[in-house]
């Protein structure tokens, strides 16, 4: 597994942030900077620092597609009812199977399936 640079939106959860850090990834958690950080600011940091955005916020799709916001890649997790542990397991599976395709793509995980849309 490569060491990846990611920025984690607050909704994904601290357990996922901690797990990714323990795996050796460079994790920037918005909760530690500004829990109310705007989506546009998250994308700006991600683009500037080459970080993959991991989020549960569907608004990122509009920013990337409609407003053409620069980004290094977005992983949108549609996991409304998932526990913290389930989120970690899903992120682990996605990273182990698809980490090389996540950067430069808008990826959506929903209903057990990951759809990767290269940008």
N, C-alpha and C. Protein backbone atom coordinates (compact mmCIF):
# COMPACT_ATOMS: atom_id res chain seq x y z
N UNK A 1 0.84 -1.19 0.00
CA UNK A 1 0.00 0.00 0.00
C UNK A 1 0.89 1.25 0.00
N UNK A 2 0.61 2.17 -0.92
CA UNK A 2 1.35 3.42 -0.98
C UNK A 2 0.95 4.32 0.19
N UNK A 3 1.84 5.25 0.50
CA UNK A 3 1.47 6.28 1.48
C UNK A 3 0.83 7.42 0.72
N UNK A 4 -0.41 7.71 1.04
CA UNK A 4 -1.18 8.72 0.32
C UNK A 4 -1.38 9.96 1.17
N UNK A 5 -1.55 11.09 0.48
CA UNK A 5 -1.88 12.35 1.15
C UNK A 5 -3.38 12.55 1.01
N UNK A 6 -4.06 12.68 2.15
CA UNK A 6 -5.52 12.85 2.13
C UNK A 6 -5.92 14.01 3.03
N UNK A 7 -7.08 14.57 2.74
CA UNK A 7 -7.72 15.53 3.64
C UNK A 7 -9.10 14.97 3.95
N UNK A 8 -9.39 14.85 5.23
CA UNK A 8 -10.62 14.20 5.69
C UNK A 8 -11.64 15.24 6.13
N UNK A 9 -12.81 15.20 5.51
CA UNK A 9 -13.92 16.05 5.92
C UNK A 9 -14.44 15.53 7.27
N UNK A 10 -14.98 16.43 8.07
CA UNK A 10 -15.40 16.11 9.44
C UNK A 10 -16.34 14.90 9.52
N UNK A 11 -17.30 14.80 8.59
CA UNK A 11 -18.32 13.77 8.68
C UNK A 11 -17.83 12.34 8.58
N UNK A 12 -16.63 12.14 8.04
CA UNK A 12 -16.13 10.78 7.88
C UNK A 12 -15.81 10.16 9.23
N UNK A 13 -15.28 10.97 10.14
CA UNK A 13 -15.10 10.49 11.50
C UNK A 13 -13.66 10.30 11.93
N UNK A 14 -13.44 10.45 13.23
CA UNK A 14 -12.11 10.38 13.81
C UNK A 14 -11.50 8.99 13.70
N UNK A 15 -12.31 7.94 13.82
CA UNK A 15 -11.76 6.59 13.73
C UNK A 15 -11.11 6.35 12.37
N UNK A 16 -11.75 6.81 11.31
CA UNK A 16 -11.18 6.67 9.97
C UNK A 16 -9.89 7.48 9.83
N UNK A 17 -9.90 8.69 10.38
CA UNK A 17 -8.69 9.53 10.34
C UNK A 17 -7.54 8.82 11.05
N UNK A 18 -7.81 8.33 12.26
CA UNK A 18 -6.77 7.65 13.04
C UNK A 18 -6.27 6.40 12.33
N UNK A 19 -7.19 5.63 11.76
CA UNK A 19 -6.80 4.39 11.07
C UNK A 19 -5.88 4.70 9.89
N UNK A 20 -6.25 5.69 9.08
CA UNK A 20 -5.42 6.05 7.92
C UNK A 20 -4.04 6.52 8.37
N UNK A 21 -3.98 7.29 9.45
CA UNK A 21 -2.69 7.73 9.99
C UNK A 21 -1.85 6.54 10.43
N UNK A 22 -2.49 5.58 11.10
CA UNK A 22 -1.78 4.38 11.56
C UNK A 22 -1.25 3.55 10.40
N UNK A 23 -1.89 3.66 9.24
CA UNK A 23 -1.44 2.92 8.05
C UNK A 23 -0.28 3.65 7.36
N UNK A 24 0.11 4.80 7.88
CA UNK A 24 1.24 5.53 7.33
C UNK A 24 0.87 6.62 6.34
N UNK A 25 -0.41 6.88 6.18
CA UNK A 25 -0.84 7.93 5.26
C UNK A 25 -0.70 9.31 5.92
N UNK A 26 -0.51 10.31 5.08
CA UNK A 26 -0.40 11.71 5.53
C UNK A 26 -1.82 12.27 5.59
N UNK A 27 -2.38 12.33 6.79
CA UNK A 27 -3.79 12.70 6.97
C UNK A 27 -3.91 14.11 7.54
N UNK A 28 -4.62 14.95 6.81
CA UNK A 28 -4.97 16.27 7.30
C UNK A 28 -6.46 16.23 7.64
N UNK A 29 -6.79 16.37 8.92
CA UNK A 29 -8.18 16.28 9.36
C UNK A 29 -8.74 17.69 9.53
N UNK A 30 -9.82 17.99 8.81
CA UNK A 30 -10.40 19.34 8.92
C UNK A 30 -10.86 19.64 10.34
N UNK A 31 -11.23 18.61 11.10
CA UNK A 31 -11.68 18.83 12.48
C UNK A 31 -10.57 19.46 13.32
N UNK A 32 -9.31 19.21 12.95
CA UNK A 32 -8.18 19.75 13.71
C UNK A 32 -7.80 21.16 13.27
N UNK A 33 -8.29 21.60 12.12
CA UNK A 33 -7.98 22.93 11.61
C UNK A 33 -9.16 23.85 11.88
N UNK A 34 -10.29 23.48 11.28
CA UNK A 34 -11.53 24.25 11.43
C UNK A 34 -12.69 23.32 11.08
N UNK A 35 -13.40 22.82 12.09
CA UNK A 35 -14.50 21.87 11.82
C UNK A 35 -15.58 22.43 10.90
N UNK A 36 -15.66 23.75 10.80
CA UNK A 36 -16.67 24.38 9.93
C UNK A 36 -16.09 24.81 8.58
N UNK A 37 -14.90 24.31 8.27
CA UNK A 37 -14.24 24.69 7.03
C UNK A 37 -15.16 24.45 5.83
N UNK A 38 -15.22 25.43 4.94
CA UNK A 38 -16.08 25.31 3.76
C UNK A 38 -15.54 24.30 2.76
N UNK A 39 -16.45 23.71 1.99
CA UNK A 39 -16.05 22.72 1.00
C UNK A 39 -15.07 23.29 -0.02
N UNK A 40 -15.29 24.56 -0.42
CA UNK A 40 -14.39 25.17 -1.39
C UNK A 40 -12.98 25.31 -0.83
N UNK A 41 -12.88 25.61 0.46
CA UNK A 41 -11.56 25.73 1.10
C UNK A 41 -10.89 24.36 1.20
N UNK A 42 -11.67 23.32 1.50
CA UNK A 42 -11.13 21.96 1.55
C UNK A 42 -10.55 21.59 0.19
N UNK A 43 -11.30 21.85 -0.88
CA UNK A 43 -10.81 21.53 -2.23
C UNK A 43 -9.56 22.34 -2.57
N UNK A 44 -9.52 23.59 -2.14
CA UNK A 44 -8.37 24.45 -2.41
C UNK A 44 -7.11 23.89 -1.76
N UNK A 45 -7.21 23.50 -0.49
CA UNK A 45 -6.07 22.90 0.22
C UNK A 45 -5.67 21.60 -0.46
N UNK A 46 -6.66 20.79 -0.80
CA UNK A 46 -6.39 19.50 -1.43
C UNK A 46 -5.65 19.68 -2.75
N UNK A 47 -6.09 20.63 -3.57
CA UNK A 47 -5.45 20.87 -4.87
C UNK A 47 -4.02 21.38 -4.67
N UNK A 48 -3.86 22.31 -3.74
CA UNK A 48 -2.54 22.92 -3.50
C UNK A 48 -1.53 21.90 -2.97
N UNK A 49 -2.00 21.01 -2.09
CA UNK A 49 -1.09 20.06 -1.44
C UNK A 49 -1.12 18.67 -2.06
N UNK A 50 -1.92 18.49 -3.12
CA UNK A 50 -2.01 17.18 -3.78
C UNK A 50 -2.63 16.12 -2.89
N UNK A 51 -3.73 16.47 -2.22
CA UNK A 51 -4.40 15.55 -1.30
C UNK A 51 -5.73 15.07 -1.87
N UNK A 52 -6.03 13.81 -1.63
CA UNK A 52 -7.32 13.23 -1.95
C UNK A 52 -8.32 13.66 -0.88
N UNK A 53 -9.47 14.19 -1.30
CA UNK A 53 -10.52 14.55 -0.36
C UNK A 53 -11.36 13.31 -0.06
N UNK A 54 -11.54 12.99 1.21
CA UNK A 54 -12.46 11.92 1.60
C UNK A 54 -13.60 12.58 2.36
N UNK A 55 -14.82 12.37 1.86
CA UNK A 55 -15.97 13.11 2.39
C UNK A 55 -17.24 12.27 2.31
N UNK A 56 -18.24 12.71 3.04
CA UNK A 56 -19.59 12.13 2.92
C UNK A 56 -20.56 13.20 2.43
N UNK A 57 -20.03 14.34 2.01
CA UNK A 57 -20.82 15.51 1.63
C UNK A 57 -21.02 15.55 0.11
N UNK A 58 -22.26 15.38 -0.33
CA UNK A 58 -22.57 15.34 -1.76
C UNK A 58 -22.31 16.68 -2.46
N UNK A 59 -22.19 17.77 -1.70
CA UNK A 59 -21.95 19.08 -2.31
C UNK A 59 -20.65 19.12 -3.10
N UNK A 60 -19.71 18.24 -2.79
CA UNK A 60 -18.45 18.24 -3.52
C UNK A 60 -18.66 17.92 -5.00
N UNK A 61 -19.65 17.11 -5.31
CA UNK A 61 -19.95 16.79 -6.70
C UNK A 61 -20.30 18.03 -7.49
N UNK A 62 -21.11 18.89 -6.91
CA UNK A 62 -21.50 20.13 -7.59
C UNK A 62 -20.29 21.05 -7.77
N UNK A 63 -19.46 21.15 -6.73
CA UNK A 63 -18.28 22.01 -6.84
C UNK A 63 -17.34 21.54 -7.93
N UNK A 64 -17.14 20.22 -8.01
CA UNK A 64 -16.20 19.68 -8.99
C UNK A 64 -16.77 19.73 -10.40
N UNK A 65 -18.02 19.33 -10.56
CA UNK A 65 -18.59 19.23 -11.91
C UNK A 65 -19.19 20.53 -12.42
N UNK A 66 -19.98 21.19 -11.62
CA UNK A 66 -20.65 22.40 -12.11
C UNK A 66 -19.72 23.61 -12.06
N UNK A 67 -18.96 23.72 -10.97
CA UNK A 67 -18.11 24.89 -10.80
C UNK A 67 -16.66 24.63 -11.21
N UNK A 68 -16.38 23.41 -11.66
CA UNK A 68 -15.05 23.05 -12.17
C UNK A 68 -13.94 23.36 -11.17
N UNK A 69 -14.20 23.13 -9.89
CA UNK A 69 -13.20 23.41 -8.86
C UNK A 69 -12.00 22.49 -9.03
N UNK A 70 -10.81 23.09 -8.97
CA UNK A 70 -9.59 22.30 -9.06
C UNK A 70 -9.52 21.35 -7.87
N UNK A 71 -9.02 20.15 -8.11
CA UNK A 71 -8.88 19.18 -7.02
C UNK A 71 -7.91 18.09 -7.44
N UNK A 72 -7.42 17.34 -6.45
CA UNK A 72 -6.50 16.23 -6.72
C UNK A 72 -7.22 14.90 -6.74
N UNK A 73 -8.52 14.92 -6.49
CA UNK A 73 -9.32 13.70 -6.43
C UNK A 73 -10.25 13.77 -5.23
N UNK A 74 -11.43 13.17 -5.40
CA UNK A 74 -12.43 13.16 -4.33
C UNK A 74 -12.97 11.74 -4.19
N UNK A 75 -13.07 11.26 -2.97
CA UNK A 75 -13.74 10.00 -2.66
C UNK A 75 -14.96 10.35 -1.82
N UNK A 76 -16.14 10.21 -2.44
CA UNK A 76 -17.41 10.50 -1.77
C UNK A 76 -17.99 9.19 -1.26
N UNK A 77 -18.16 9.11 0.05
CA UNK A 77 -18.72 7.91 0.68
C UNK A 77 -20.19 8.15 0.97
N UNK A 78 -21.05 7.42 0.30
CA UNK A 78 -22.50 7.53 0.55
C UNK A 78 -22.86 6.46 1.58
N UNK A 79 -22.56 6.75 2.84
CA UNK A 79 -22.69 5.77 3.93
C UNK A 79 -23.50 6.36 5.07
N UNK A 80 -24.70 6.79 4.79
CA UNK A 80 -25.47 7.54 5.77
C UNK A 80 -25.64 6.82 7.12
N UNK A 81 -25.83 5.52 7.10
CA UNK A 81 -26.11 4.79 8.35
C UNK A 81 -24.94 3.94 8.84
N UNK A 82 -23.77 4.11 8.24
CA UNK A 82 -22.63 3.25 8.60
C UNK A 82 -22.06 3.65 9.97
N UNK A 83 -21.61 2.64 10.71
CA UNK A 83 -20.90 2.90 11.96
C UNK A 83 -19.48 3.35 11.64
N UNK A 84 -18.79 3.88 12.64
CA UNK A 84 -17.40 4.29 12.45
C UNK A 84 -16.54 3.14 11.98
N UNK A 85 -16.75 1.97 12.57
CA UNK A 85 -15.97 0.80 12.19
C UNK A 85 -16.26 0.37 10.75
N UNK A 86 -17.51 0.42 10.35
CA UNK A 86 -17.86 0.07 8.97
C UNK A 86 -17.20 1.02 7.98
N UNK A 87 -17.12 2.30 8.33
CA UNK A 87 -16.45 3.27 7.46
C UNK A 87 -14.98 2.90 7.29
N UNK A 88 -14.32 2.55 8.39
CA UNK A 88 -12.92 2.15 8.32
C UNK A 88 -12.76 0.93 7.42
N UNK A 89 -13.63 -0.06 7.59
CA UNK A 89 -13.53 -1.28 6.77
C UNK A 89 -13.71 -0.97 5.29
N UNK A 90 -14.65 -0.10 4.97
CA UNK A 90 -14.91 0.25 3.57
C UNK A 90 -13.73 1.04 2.99
N UNK A 91 -13.22 2.02 3.74
CA UNK A 91 -12.06 2.78 3.26
C UNK A 91 -10.88 1.85 3.06
N UNK A 92 -10.67 0.93 3.98
CA UNK A 92 -9.58 -0.04 3.87
C UNK A 92 -9.71 -0.85 2.58
N UNK A 93 -10.91 -1.33 2.31
CA UNK A 93 -11.14 -2.12 1.10
C UNK A 93 -10.91 -1.28 -0.16
N UNK A 94 -11.43 -0.06 -0.18
CA UNK A 94 -11.26 0.82 -1.34
C UNK A 94 -9.78 1.10 -1.57
N UNK A 95 -9.05 1.43 -0.51
CA UNK A 95 -7.63 1.75 -0.66
C UNK A 95 -6.84 0.53 -1.13
N UNK A 96 -7.14 -0.64 -0.59
CA UNK A 96 -6.36 -1.82 -0.97
C UNK A 96 -6.61 -2.23 -2.42
N UNK A 97 -7.81 -1.95 -2.93
CA UNK A 97 -8.15 -2.38 -4.29
C UNK A 97 -8.01 -1.29 -5.35
N UNK A 98 -8.10 -0.02 -4.95
CA UNK A 98 -8.21 1.04 -5.96
C UNK A 98 -7.34 2.27 -5.71
N UNK A 99 -6.42 2.22 -4.75
CA UNK A 99 -5.72 3.45 -4.37
C UNK A 99 -5.02 4.13 -5.55
N UNK A 100 -4.56 3.35 -6.52
CA UNK A 100 -3.84 3.93 -7.66
C UNK A 100 -4.77 4.69 -8.61
N UNK A 101 -6.09 4.50 -8.48
CA UNK A 101 -7.04 5.15 -9.39
C UNK A 101 -7.76 6.33 -8.75
N UNK A 102 -7.58 6.55 -7.45
CA UNK A 102 -8.37 7.55 -6.74
C UNK A 102 -7.94 8.99 -7.04
N UNK A 103 -6.63 9.20 -7.19
CA UNK A 103 -6.16 10.56 -7.47
C UNK A 103 -6.50 10.94 -8.90
N UNK A 104 -6.99 12.16 -9.07
CA UNK A 104 -7.40 12.61 -10.39
C UNK A 104 -8.77 12.11 -10.80
N UNK A 105 -9.50 11.51 -9.87
CA UNK A 105 -10.83 10.98 -10.17
C UNK A 105 -11.84 11.48 -9.14
N UNK A 106 -13.11 11.44 -9.54
CA UNK A 106 -14.20 11.68 -8.59
C UNK A 106 -14.84 10.31 -8.40
N UNK A 107 -14.65 9.73 -7.22
CA UNK A 107 -15.11 8.37 -6.95
C UNK A 107 -16.26 8.40 -5.95
N UNK A 108 -17.25 7.56 -6.20
CA UNK A 108 -18.43 7.51 -5.33
C UNK A 108 -18.65 6.07 -4.88
N UNK A 109 -18.70 5.86 -3.56
CA UNK A 109 -19.01 4.54 -3.01
C UNK A 109 -20.44 4.57 -2.51
N UNK A 110 -21.26 3.68 -3.05
CA UNK A 110 -22.67 3.62 -2.65
C UNK A 110 -23.17 2.20 -2.84
N UNK A 111 -23.95 1.72 -1.89
CA UNK A 111 -24.57 0.40 -1.97
C UNK A 111 -23.57 -0.71 -2.32
N UNK A 112 -22.41 -0.65 -1.69
CA UNK A 112 -21.42 -1.71 -1.88
C UNK A 112 -20.63 -1.62 -3.16
N UNK A 113 -20.80 -0.54 -3.94
CA UNK A 113 -20.08 -0.41 -5.20
C UNK A 113 -19.32 0.91 -5.25
N UNK A 114 -18.13 0.84 -5.85
CA UNK A 114 -17.33 2.04 -6.06
C UNK A 114 -17.35 2.39 -7.54
N UNK A 115 -17.75 3.61 -7.84
CA UNK A 115 -17.71 4.09 -9.23
C UNK A 115 -16.62 5.15 -9.30
N UNK A 116 -15.67 4.95 -10.19
CA UNK A 116 -14.54 5.87 -10.34
C UNK A 116 -14.72 6.62 -11.66
N UNK A 117 -14.78 7.94 -11.56
CA UNK A 117 -14.96 8.80 -12.74
C UNK A 117 -13.69 9.63 -12.93
N UNK A 118 -12.78 9.22 -13.83
CA UNK A 118 -11.57 10.02 -14.07
C UNK A 118 -11.97 11.42 -14.54
N UNK A 119 -11.20 12.42 -14.11
CA UNK A 119 -11.51 13.81 -14.50
C UNK A 119 -10.59 14.26 -15.61
